[in-house]
Amino acid sequence: MEKLTNDQMENLVRTGYCEDLWTMLTGGNYQGDLAYGWSVYARNCVDQNP
């Protein structure tokens, strides 16, 4: 099994997080402040493609 660097692990975790957040924000399942949700997405996932 290949070992991942810290940067590779962080990118892997963040990619899943961003995909999940995108799905919730666009699918109507987000239950918080929608403007805040999009601001979190913009701040943390700006370089991710859903």
N, C-alpha and C. Protein backbone atom coordinates (compact mmCIF):
# COMPACT_ATOMS: atom_id res chain seq x y z
N MET A 1 0.84 -1.18 0.00
CA MET A 1 0.00 0.00 0.00
C MET A 1 0.89 1.24 0.00
N GLU A 2 0.54 2.20 -0.83
CA GLU A 2 1.31 3.43 -0.95
C GLU A 2 0.97 4.39 0.18
N LYS A 3 2.00 5.01 0.74
CA LYS A 3 1.77 6.01 1.78
C LYS A 3 1.56 7.37 1.13
N LEU A 4 0.62 8.12 1.67
CA LEU A 4 0.34 9.46 1.15
C LEU A 4 1.03 10.52 1.99
N THR A 5 1.43 11.59 1.34
CA THR A 5 1.98 12.72 2.08
C THR A 5 0.85 13.47 2.76
N ASN A 6 1.19 14.35 3.67
CA ASN A 6 0.16 15.16 4.34
C ASN A 6 -0.65 15.98 3.33
N ASP A 7 0.02 16.55 2.34
CA ASP A 7 -0.69 17.34 1.33
C ASP A 7 -1.66 16.47 0.52
N GLN A 8 -1.25 15.27 0.19
CA GLN A 8 -2.13 14.36 -0.56
C GLN A 8 -3.34 13.97 0.28
N MET A 9 -3.13 13.70 1.56
CA MET A 9 -4.24 13.34 2.45
C MET A 9 -5.21 14.50 2.60
N GLU A 10 -4.67 15.71 2.78
CA GLU A 10 -5.53 16.89 2.95
C GLU A 10 -6.37 17.11 1.71
N ASN A 11 -5.77 16.96 0.54
CA ASN A 11 -6.51 17.15 -0.71
C ASN A 11 -7.59 16.09 -0.87
N LEU A 12 -7.30 14.87 -0.50
CA LEU A 12 -8.27 13.79 -0.60
C LEU A 12 -9.47 14.05 0.30
N VAL A 13 -9.23 14.45 1.53
CA VAL A 13 -10.31 14.73 2.48
C VAL A 13 -11.11 15.93 2.01
N ARG A 14 -10.42 16.99 1.59
CA ARG A 14 -11.12 18.21 1.19
C ARG A 14 -11.95 17.98 -0.06
N THR A 15 -11.47 17.15 -0.98
CA THR A 15 -12.24 16.87 -2.19
C THR A 15 -13.59 16.25 -1.83
N GLY A 16 -13.60 15.25 -0.95
CA GLY A 16 -14.86 14.64 -0.54
C GLY A 16 -15.76 15.61 0.17
N TYR A 17 -15.17 16.45 1.01
CA TYR A 17 -15.93 17.46 1.74
C TYR A 17 -16.58 18.43 0.76
N CYS A 18 -15.82 18.89 -0.21
CA CYS A 18 -16.34 19.85 -1.17
C CYS A 18 -17.44 19.25 -2.03
N GLU A 19 -17.27 18.00 -2.44
CA GLU A 19 -18.31 17.35 -3.22
C GLU A 19 -19.59 17.20 -2.42
N ASP A 20 -19.46 16.81 -1.16
CA ASP A 20 -20.63 16.66 -0.30
C ASP A 20 -21.32 18.00 -0.05
N LEU A 21 -20.53 19.03 0.20
CA LEU A 21 -21.10 20.36 0.44
C LEU A 21 -21.81 20.86 -0.81
N TRP A 22 -21.21 20.68 -1.99
CA TRP A 22 -21.82 21.08 -3.25
C TRP A 22 -23.17 20.38 -3.42
N THR A 23 -23.20 19.09 -3.15
CA THR A 23 -24.43 18.31 -3.29
C THR A 23 -25.52 18.84 -2.36
N MET A 24 -25.15 19.13 -1.13
CA MET A 24 -26.14 19.66 -0.18
C MET A 24 -26.62 21.05 -0.59
N LEU A 25 -25.70 21.91 -1.01
CA LEU A 25 -26.07 23.28 -1.37
C LEU A 25 -26.94 23.34 -2.62
N THR A 26 -26.68 22.47 -3.58
CA THR A 26 -27.44 22.51 -4.83
C THR A 26 -28.63 21.56 -4.83
N GLY A 27 -28.66 20.61 -3.90
CA GLY A 27 -29.73 19.63 -3.88
C GLY A 27 -30.86 19.93 -2.92
N GLY A 28 -30.73 21.02 -2.18
CA GLY A 28 -31.80 21.40 -1.27
C GLY A 28 -31.75 20.74 0.09
N ASN A 29 -30.69 20.01 0.39
CA ASN A 29 -30.60 19.33 1.68
C ASN A 29 -29.84 20.12 2.73
N TYR A 30 -29.35 21.29 2.38
CA TYR A 30 -28.61 22.11 3.34
C TYR A 30 -29.60 22.76 4.29
N GLN A 31 -29.40 22.58 5.60
CA GLN A 31 -30.37 23.05 6.57
C GLN A 31 -29.93 24.27 7.35
N GLY A 32 -28.83 24.87 6.95
CA GLY A 32 -28.34 26.06 7.64
C GLY A 32 -28.59 27.31 6.83
N ASP A 33 -27.88 28.37 7.17
CA ASP A 33 -27.93 29.64 6.45
C ASP A 33 -27.28 29.42 5.09
N LEU A 34 -28.06 29.51 4.03
CA LEU A 34 -27.58 29.21 2.70
C LEU A 34 -26.44 30.14 2.28
N ALA A 35 -26.52 31.41 2.62
CA ALA A 35 -25.45 32.35 2.28
C ALA A 35 -24.15 31.95 2.97
N TYR A 36 -24.24 31.51 4.21
CA TYR A 36 -23.06 31.05 4.93
C TYR A 36 -22.49 29.78 4.29
N GLY A 37 -23.35 28.87 3.92
CA GLY A 37 -22.91 27.65 3.26
C GLY A 37 -22.13 27.94 1.99
N TRP A 38 -22.64 28.87 1.18
CA TRP A 38 -21.92 29.23 -0.04
C TRP A 38 -20.62 29.95 0.26
N SER A 39 -20.58 30.74 1.34
CA SER A 39 -19.33 31.42 1.69
C SER A 39 -18.27 30.41 2.14
N VAL A 40 -18.70 29.36 2.86
CA VAL A 40 -17.78 28.29 3.26
C VAL A 40 -17.26 27.57 2.02
N TYR A 41 -18.15 27.28 1.09
CA TYR A 41 -17.74 26.62 -0.15
C TYR A 41 -16.74 27.48 -0.91
N ALA A 42 -17.03 28.76 -1.04
CA ALA A 42 -16.14 29.66 -1.77
C ALA A 42 -14.77 29.76 -1.10
N ARG A 43 -14.75 29.75 0.20
CA ARG A 43 -13.50 29.88 0.94
C ARG A 43 -12.66 28.60 0.89
N ASN A 44 -13.30 27.45 0.98
CA ASN A 44 -12.56 26.19 1.11
C ASN A 44 -12.49 25.35 -0.15
N CYS A 45 -13.37 25.63 -1.11
CA CYS A 45 -13.47 24.72 -2.25
C CYS A 45 -13.35 25.46 -3.58
N VAL A 46 -12.84 26.65 -3.56
CA VAL A 46 -12.80 27.46 -4.77
C VAL A 46 -12.03 26.77 -5.90
N ASP A 47 -11.05 25.93 -5.56
CA ASP A 47 -10.26 25.26 -6.59
C ASP A 47 -10.77 23.86 -6.91
N GLN A 48 -11.93 23.51 -6.39
CA GLN A 48 -12.50 22.18 -6.63
C GLN A 48 -13.61 22.29 -7.68
N ASN A 49 -13.71 21.29 -8.53
CA ASN A 49 -14.81 21.22 -9.49
C ASN A 49 -15.79 20.16 -9.03
N PRO A 50 -17.06 20.54 -8.86
CA PRO A 50 -18.05 19.54 -8.42
C PRO A 50 -18.32 18.49 -9.49
